[in-house]
Amino acid sequence: MATASAADRAAALNDDDVAALDRLRTVYQRLRKELGRVIIGQEETIERLTICLFARGHALLMGVPGLAKTLLVSKLAETVSLKFNRIQFTPDLMPMDITGTDILQETADGRREFHFVPGPVFANIVLADEINRAPPKTQAAMLEAMQEHKVTVVGKTSRLDPPFFVLATQNPVEQEGTYPLPEAQLDRFMFLIELDYPTEDEEVTIARSTTGDSIPALEHVLTAGEIIDYQHLVRRVPVPDHIYQFAARLVRKTRPRGETAPAWLKPLVSWGAGPRAVQNLILAAKSRAALSGSYMVRLEDIEAVAAPVLTHRLITTFAAQAEGIDAKQIVSRLVKETVAEQV
């Protein structure tokens, strides 16, 4: 809950924005409740997906098969009344298979004309399933759509309707026949969301609820227009100066050639996060603050989003891998040290 005083809120946000943030918090609780009727556990995953949605970011989901990634994304689209498409990426998938293409059609007067047939990327929520199975050219077409919110086919540009939210999945247990995303392309994703196995009790509940005759239909909680309005609202959430400084300081410490990088990090990281990481830290923190009912970004918001924002942006060295140290552990230690310095 928010801890800012009424005077602080008045100085930062107008009354309409304060009321809108209160409504957003209520809507978010309804959204979590609806998704919880179908998705057992994975509460942190639901929170992070929602943070990305309202921050206008995209997310990469990493998890073994069977963790309900596709079901979660499709049900999220159902609850927010958005058009949803799933694209199964395969080694023979071509760019036009996702963007669409021109086809020759005969008109009523007998003439032949090319007409553009939109591909599955023309949706509000797109699940790019196993994106690392497609060749680089197809990945590039998908990433262009993510970045530019448009596609170009045969020299013609078509805009994608907002809101546009891409969730890509990678399967960590299969490497044969895959084309891993380059680090520069991973940087396009706001979050890396790692899904873990459910607990024993959750797994029993999953078995009970999914082996019946039907899956419950979920209520519509939001519309596309309301989501766009809330996305604008999230961007207006104020950020204190010390939070901007903390985010920049944290990201700069990930760069092993930088002056502020700690000595223990330099042999473990070959490449750190870029400026886009600072932007994503702030945007994700704004979204989390808004969803949790805060009227401004707090240090705890940055701490909560640091791992999903930074983990996929750090390239570890062979020495780190040999010692069993991964990027997530490095980010966790950096956050603790930077928070200690801030205090």
Protein backbone atom coordinates (compact mmCIF):
# COMPACT_ATOMS: atom_id res chain seq x y z
CA MET A 1 0.00 0.00 0.00
CA ALA A 2 1.07 3.60 -0.48
CA THR A 3 2.85 5.37 2.33
CA ALA A 4 3.05 8.85 0.82
CA SER A 5 1.20 11.61 2.62
CA ALA A 6 -1.73 13.41 1.06
CA ALA A 7 0.48 16.48 0.55
CA ASP A 8 3.11 14.41 -1.27
CA ARG A 9 0.47 12.87 -3.53
CA ALA A 10 -1.05 16.24 -4.32
CA ALA A 11 2.39 17.59 -5.28
CA ALA A 12 3.05 14.70 -7.63
CA LEU A 13 -0.30 13.66 -9.09
CA ASN A 14 -3.61 15.39 -9.68
CA ASP A 15 -6.82 14.10 -8.13
CA ASP A 16 -7.91 12.35 -11.32
CA ASP A 17 -4.64 10.39 -11.52
CA VAL A 18 -4.87 9.40 -7.86
CA ALA A 19 -8.40 8.11 -8.38
CA ALA A 20 -7.31 6.27 -11.55
CA LEU A 21 -4.44 4.59 -9.68
CA ASP A 22 -6.89 3.43 -7.02
CA ARG A 23 -9.09 1.94 -9.74
CA LEU A 24 -6.09 0.26 -11.37
CA ARG A 25 -5.14 -1.43 -8.10
CA THR A 26 -8.69 -2.76 -7.75
CA VAL A 27 -8.73 -3.99 -11.35
CA TYR A 28 -5.39 -5.71 -10.85
CA GLN A 29 -6.70 -7.62 -7.84
CA ARG A 30 -9.71 -8.76 -9.88
CA LEU A 31 -7.40 -9.83 -12.70
CA ARG A 32 -5.25 -11.93 -10.37
CA LYS A 33 -8.35 -13.52 -8.85
CA GLU A 34 -9.73 -14.47 -12.28
CA LEU A 35 -6.44 -15.94 -13.51
CA GLY A 36 -6.12 -17.84 -10.23
CA ARG A 37 -9.27 -19.79 -11.14
CA VAL A 38 -7.32 -21.49 -13.94
CA ILE A 39 -3.61 -20.96 -13.22
CA ILE A 40 -2.48 -22.71 -10.05
CA GLY A 41 0.48 -21.03 -8.37
CA GLN A 42 2.73 -18.90 -10.60
CA GLU A 43 1.66 -15.76 -8.72
CA GLU A 44 5.00 -14.06 -9.31
CA THR A 45 4.77 -14.87 -13.03
CA ILE A 46 1.28 -13.32 -13.23
CA GLU A 47 2.53 -10.20 -11.46
CA ARG A 48 5.49 -9.80 -13.80
CA LEU A 49 3.39 -10.36 -16.92
CA THR A 50 0.97 -7.68 -15.76
CA ILE A 51 3.82 -5.29 -14.98
CA CYS A 52 5.09 -5.72 -18.55
CA LEU A 53 1.62 -5.23 -20.03
CA PHE A 54 1.03 -1.89 -18.32
CA ALA A 55 4.64 -0.73 -18.89
CA ARG A 56 4.30 -1.43 -22.66
CA GLY A 57 7.12 -3.95 -22.52
CA HIS A 58 7.59 -7.47 -23.87
CA ALA A 59 8.56 -10.57 -21.93
CA LEU A 60 10.58 -13.72 -22.55
CA LEU A 61 9.29 -16.74 -20.63
CA MET A 62 11.74 -19.49 -19.81
CA GLY A 63 10.52 -22.79 -18.45
CA VAL A 64 10.33 -26.50 -19.08
CA PRO A 65 7.29 -27.91 -20.92
CA GLY A 66 4.05 -28.37 -19.02
CA LEU A 67 4.11 -25.24 -16.85
CA ALA A 68 0.97 -23.74 -18.48
CA LYS A 69 2.80 -20.97 -20.32
CA THR A 70 0.42 -21.05 -23.29
CA LEU A 71 -2.66 -21.38 -21.09
CA LEU A 72 -1.55 -18.47 -18.91
CA VAL A 73 -1.04 -16.13 -21.86
CA SER A 74 -4.30 -17.10 -23.57
CA LYS A 75 -6.28 -16.65 -20.34
CA LEU A 76 -4.60 -13.29 -19.71
CA ALA A 77 -5.81 -12.18 -23.14
CA GLU A 78 -9.30 -13.49 -22.32
CA THR A 79 -9.58 -11.53 -19.07
CA VAL A 80 -8.46 -8.25 -20.67
CA SER A 81 -10.62 -8.66 -23.80
CA LEU A 82 -7.70 -8.60 -26.24
CA LYS A 83 -7.19 -10.44 -29.50
CA PHE A 84 -4.74 -13.30 -28.95
CA ASN A 85 -2.68 -15.26 -31.47
CA ARG A 86 -0.18 -18.03 -30.88
CA ILE A 87 2.68 -18.58 -33.33
CA GLN A 88 4.51 -21.89 -33.11
CA PHE A 89 8.05 -21.15 -34.28
CA THR A 90 9.67 -23.91 -36.32
CA PRO A 91 12.91 -24.17 -38.34
CA ASP A 92 11.01 -23.74 -41.63
CA LEU A 93 8.97 -20.69 -40.51
CA MET A 94 9.44 -17.74 -42.89
CA PRO A 95 8.99 -14.01 -42.07
CA MET A 96 5.84 -13.77 -44.22
CA ASP A 97 4.32 -16.59 -42.14
CA ILE A 98 4.08 -14.20 -39.21
CA THR A 99 3.81 -10.78 -40.86
CA GLY A 100 1.46 -11.70 -43.69
CA THR A 101 1.88 -11.33 -47.43
CA ASP A 102 0.32 -9.96 -50.61
CA ILE A 103 -1.82 -12.35 -52.61
CA LEU A 104 -3.18 -11.88 -56.14
CA GLN A 105 -6.97 -11.66 -56.24
CA GLU A 106 -9.45 -11.04 -59.02
CA THR A 107 -11.77 -8.07 -58.55
CA ALA A 108 -15.46 -7.90 -59.48
CA ASP A 109 -14.67 -6.21 -62.79
CA GLY A 110 -12.18 -8.92 -63.80
CA ARG A 111 -8.98 -7.08 -62.91
CA ARG A 112 -6.28 -8.69 -60.80
CA GLU A 113 -4.86 -6.85 -57.81
CA PHE A 114 -2.58 -7.64 -54.92
CA HIS A 115 -4.25 -7.59 -51.52
CA PHE A 116 -2.44 -7.77 -48.21
CA VAL A 117 -3.45 -10.66 -45.97
CA PRO A 118 -2.35 -9.93 -42.37
CA GLY A 119 -0.37 -12.60 -40.53
CA PRO A 120 -0.82 -13.77 -36.94
CA VAL A 121 1.34 -10.93 -35.59
CA PHE A 122 -1.69 -8.67 -36.11
CA ALA A 123 -3.10 -9.19 -32.63
CA ASN A 124 -2.94 -7.45 -29.26
CA ILE A 125 -1.22 -10.30 -27.42
CA VAL A 126 1.09 -12.56 -29.42
CA LEU A 127 2.62 -15.71 -27.99
CA ALA A 128 5.82 -16.49 -29.90
CA ASP A 129 6.15 -20.10 -28.81
CA GLU A 130 9.71 -21.49 -28.84
CA ILE A 131 11.08 -18.44 -30.64
CA ASN A 132 14.57 -19.93 -30.63
CA ARG A 133 13.45 -22.65 -33.05
CA ALA A 134 13.02 -20.20 -35.95
CA PRO A 135 15.90 -19.02 -38.17
CA PRO A 136 17.40 -15.55 -37.55
CA LYS A 137 15.54 -13.86 -40.43
CA THR A 138 12.17 -14.84 -38.97
CA GLN A 139 13.26 -13.83 -35.47
CA ALA A 140 14.30 -10.44 -36.89
CA ALA A 141 10.83 -9.90 -38.40
CA MET A 142 9.24 -10.63 -35.04
CA LEU A 143 11.62 -8.35 -33.19
CA GLU A 144 11.02 -5.52 -35.67
CA ALA A 145 7.31 -5.76 -34.95
CA MET A 146 8.05 -5.66 -31.21
CA GLN A 147 10.26 -2.58 -31.47
CA GLU A 148 8.50 -0.56 -34.17
CA HIS A 149 4.90 -1.78 -33.69
CA LYS A 150 4.67 -2.14 -37.45
CA VAL A 151 5.57 -4.60 -40.21
CA THR A 152 6.91 -3.98 -43.70
CA VAL A 153 5.91 -6.36 -46.49
CA VAL A 154 6.95 -5.78 -50.10
CA GLY A 155 7.80 -2.18 -49.31
CA LYS A 156 4.45 -1.42 -47.67
CA THR A 157 4.23 -0.61 -43.96
CA SER A 158 1.28 -1.63 -41.81
CA ARG A 159 0.79 -0.47 -38.23
CA LEU A 160 -0.08 -2.87 -35.42
CA ASP A 161 -3.05 -1.89 -33.28
CA PRO A 162 -2.28 -0.97 -29.66
CA PRO A 163 -1.94 -2.38 -27.14
CA PHE A 164 0.67 -4.74 -28.58
CA PHE A 165 2.25 -7.22 -26.19
CA VAL A 166 4.62 -10.03 -27.20
CA LEU A 167 5.41 -13.00 -24.98
CA ALA A 168 8.10 -15.29 -26.34
CA THR A 169 8.99 -18.66 -24.86
CA GLN A 170 12.22 -20.62 -24.95
CA ASN A 171 12.57 -24.24 -23.96
CA PRO A 172 15.76 -24.67 -21.89
CA VAL A 173 15.88 -28.46 -22.17
CA GLU A 174 16.13 -28.75 -25.94
CA GLN A 175 19.12 -27.31 -27.81
CA GLU A 176 19.25 -29.38 -31.00
CA GLY A 177 17.80 -27.59 -34.01
CA THR A 178 17.53 -24.22 -32.27
CA TYR A 179 18.81 -20.73 -33.06
CA PRO A 180 19.45 -19.02 -29.69
CA LEU A 181 18.54 -15.34 -29.61
CA PRO A 182 21.62 -13.09 -29.79
CA GLU A 183 22.26 -10.92 -26.74
CA ALA A 184 21.43 -7.74 -28.69
CA GLN A 185 17.99 -9.18 -29.47
CA LEU A 186 17.44 -10.36 -25.91
CA ASP A 187 17.86 -6.70 -24.92
CA ARG A 188 14.55 -5.97 -26.67
CA PHE A 189 12.66 -7.84 -23.97
CA MET A 190 11.83 -5.89 -20.82
CA PHE A 191 11.64 -9.00 -18.64
CA LEU A 192 13.06 -12.49 -18.55
CA ILE A 193 10.47 -14.45 -16.56
CA GLU A 194 11.65 -17.84 -15.33
CA LEU A 195 8.96 -20.36 -14.42
CA ASP A 196 9.76 -23.07 -11.91
CA TYR A 197 8.04 -26.33 -11.05
CA PRO A 198 4.98 -26.02 -8.80
CA THR A 199 5.00 -27.25 -5.21
CA GLU A 200 3.61 -30.69 -4.40
CA ASP A 201 0.32 -29.25 -3.12
CA GLU A 202 0.00 -27.05 -6.21
CA GLU A 203 0.72 -30.03 -8.46
CA VAL A 204 -2.04 -32.03 -6.79
CA THR A 205 -4.44 -29.10 -7.27
CA ILE A 206 -3.40 -28.83 -10.93
CA ALA A 207 -4.16 -32.50 -11.46
CA ARG A 208 -7.59 -32.14 -9.86
CA SER A 209 -8.59 -29.01 -11.75
CA THR A 210 -7.29 -29.90 -15.22
CA THR A 211 -8.45 -33.49 -15.56
CA GLY A 212 -12.12 -32.64 -15.48
CA ASP A 213 -14.50 -32.08 -18.35
CA SER A 214 -14.01 -28.34 -18.87
CA ILE A 215 -11.98 -25.26 -18.00
CA PRO A 216 -13.95 -22.36 -16.49
CA ALA A 217 -14.56 -19.29 -18.64
CA LEU A 218 -13.10 -16.15 -17.14
CA GLU A 219 -14.77 -12.77 -16.74
CA HIS A 220 -13.62 -9.80 -18.79
CA VAL A 221 -11.90 -7.35 -16.46
CA LEU A 222 -10.54 -4.73 -18.89
CA THR A 223 -10.92 -3.48 -22.44
CA ALA A 224 -8.20 -2.48 -24.91
CA GLY A 225 -9.05 1.22 -24.47
CA GLU A 226 -8.82 1.00 -20.69
CA ILE A 227 -5.44 -0.75 -20.92
CA ILE A 228 -4.08 2.04 -23.13
CA ASP A 229 -5.35 4.65 -20.66
CA TYR A 230 -3.69 2.81 -17.77
CA GLN A 231 -0.45 2.52 -19.76
CA HIS A 232 -0.40 6.31 -20.08
CA LEU A 233 -1.22 6.61 -16.37
CA VAL A 234 1.69 4.35 -15.41
CA ARG A 235 4.08 6.64 -17.28
CA ARG A 236 2.88 9.56 -15.17
CA VAL A 237 3.76 7.88 -11.85
CA PRO A 238 6.42 10.14 -10.31
CA VAL A 239 9.94 8.92 -9.61
CA PRO A 240 12.13 10.59 -6.95
CA ASP A 241 15.60 11.69 -8.06
CA HIS A 242 17.36 9.20 -5.81
CA ILE A 243 15.52 6.33 -7.52
CA TYR A 244 16.77 7.45 -10.94
CA GLN A 245 20.29 7.63 -9.51
CA PHE A 246 19.97 4.21 -7.91
CA ALA A 247 18.81 2.60 -11.17
CA ALA A 248 21.64 4.16 -13.16
CA ARG A 249 24.22 3.23 -10.52
CA LEU A 250 23.00 -0.37 -10.40
CA VAL A 251 23.16 -0.82 -14.18
CA ARG A 252 26.58 0.83 -14.48
CA LYS A 253 27.96 -1.63 -11.93
CA THR A 254 27.14 -4.51 -14.28
CA ARG A 255 29.71 -3.29 -16.83
CA PRO A 256 33.05 -4.97 -16.06
CA ARG A 257 35.08 -2.27 -17.83
CA GLY A 258 33.40 0.55 -15.92
CA GLU A 259 35.00 2.36 -13.01
CA THR A 260 32.12 1.56 -10.64
CA ALA A 261 32.09 -2.21 -11.30
CA PRO A 262 33.06 -4.10 -8.10
CA ALA A 263 36.27 -6.10 -8.23
CA TRP A 264 34.48 -9.43 -7.66
CA LEU A 265 32.26 -8.91 -10.73
CA LYS A 266 34.97 -8.26 -13.33
CA PRO A 267 36.15 -11.88 -13.76
CA LEU A 268 32.54 -13.12 -13.82
CA VAL A 269 30.92 -10.84 -16.44
CA SER A 270 32.17 -10.25 -19.96
CA TRP A 271 29.44 -7.78 -20.93
CA GLY A 272 26.99 -5.79 -18.84
CA ALA A 273 23.62 -4.12 -19.36
CA GLY A 274 23.12 -1.10 -21.62
CA PRO A 275 21.08 2.12 -21.23
CA ARG A 276 17.86 0.32 -22.19
CA ALA A 277 18.15 -1.54 -18.88
CA VAL A 278 17.89 1.74 -16.93
CA GLN A 279 14.80 2.72 -18.91
CA ASN A 280 13.19 -0.67 -18.30
CA LEU A 281 14.02 -0.60 -14.60
CA ILE A 282 12.23 2.72 -14.21
CA LEU A 283 9.23 1.77 -16.37
CA ALA A 284 8.79 -1.61 -14.67
CA ALA A 285 9.11 0.03 -11.24
CA LYS A 286 6.46 2.59 -12.20
CA SER A 287 4.12 -0.19 -13.28
CA ARG A 288 4.72 -2.21 -10.11
CA ALA A 289 4.17 0.84 -7.92
CA ALA A 290 0.89 1.61 -9.69
CA LEU A 291 -0.37 -1.97 -9.40
CA SER A 292 0.49 -2.14 -5.70
CA GLY A 293 -1.30 1.11 -4.92
CA SER A 294 1.68 3.42 -4.47
CA TYR A 295 1.52 6.98 -5.75
CA MET A 296 5.24 7.13 -6.50
CA VAL A 297 8.09 4.71 -7.19
CA ARG A 298 9.88 3.33 -4.14
CA LEU A 299 13.24 1.63 -3.76
CA GLU A 300 11.49 -1.69 -3.14
CA ASP A 301 9.92 -1.45 -6.60
CA ILE A 302 13.36 -1.25 -8.23
CA GLU A 303 14.58 -4.16 -6.10
CA ALA A 304 11.59 -6.29 -7.13
CA VAL A 305 12.09 -5.80 -10.88
CA ALA A 306 15.90 -5.84 -10.98
CA ALA A 307 16.28 -9.60 -11.55
CA PRO A 308 13.85 -9.95 -14.49
CA VAL A 309 15.19 -6.76 -16.10
CA LEU A 310 18.92 -7.44 -15.74
CA THR A 311 19.45 -11.22 -15.75
CA HIS A 312 19.22 -11.72 -19.52
CA ARG A 313 21.33 -8.63 -20.18
CA LEU A 314 24.46 -9.94 -18.45
CA ILE A 315 26.86 -12.18 -20.34
CA THR A 316 28.81 -14.32 -17.90
CA THR A 317 32.35 -15.54 -18.50
CA PHE A 318 33.59 -19.10 -18.70
CA ALA A 319 35.08 -18.62 -15.22
CA ALA A 320 31.62 -17.84 -13.81
CA GLN A 321 30.10 -20.85 -15.52
CA ALA A 322 32.90 -23.08 -14.24
CA GLU A 323 32.19 -21.90 -10.69
CA GLY A 324 28.44 -22.45 -11.10
CA ILE A 325 27.66 -18.73 -10.82
CA ASP A 326 24.84 -17.47 -13.04
CA ALA A 327 23.63 -13.99 -13.94
CA LYS A 328 20.75 -14.16 -11.47
CA GLN A 329 23.13 -14.64 -8.54
CA ILE A 330 25.31 -11.77 -9.76
CA VAL A 331 22.31 -9.43 -10.03
CA SER A 332 21.10 -10.41 -6.56
CA ARG A 333 24.47 -9.59 -5.01
CA LEU A 334 24.71 -6.29 -6.91
CA VAL A 335 21.27 -5.20 -5.72
CA LYS A 336 22.08 -5.98 -2.09
CA GLU A 337 25.36 -4.07 -2.23
CA THR A 338 23.83 -1.07 -4.01
CA VAL A 339 20.93 -0.90 -1.55
CA ALA A 340 23.41 -0.99 1.34
CA GLU A 341 25.28 1.94 -0.19
CA GLN A 342 22.03 3.85 -0.69
CA VAL A 343 21.08 3.46 2.96
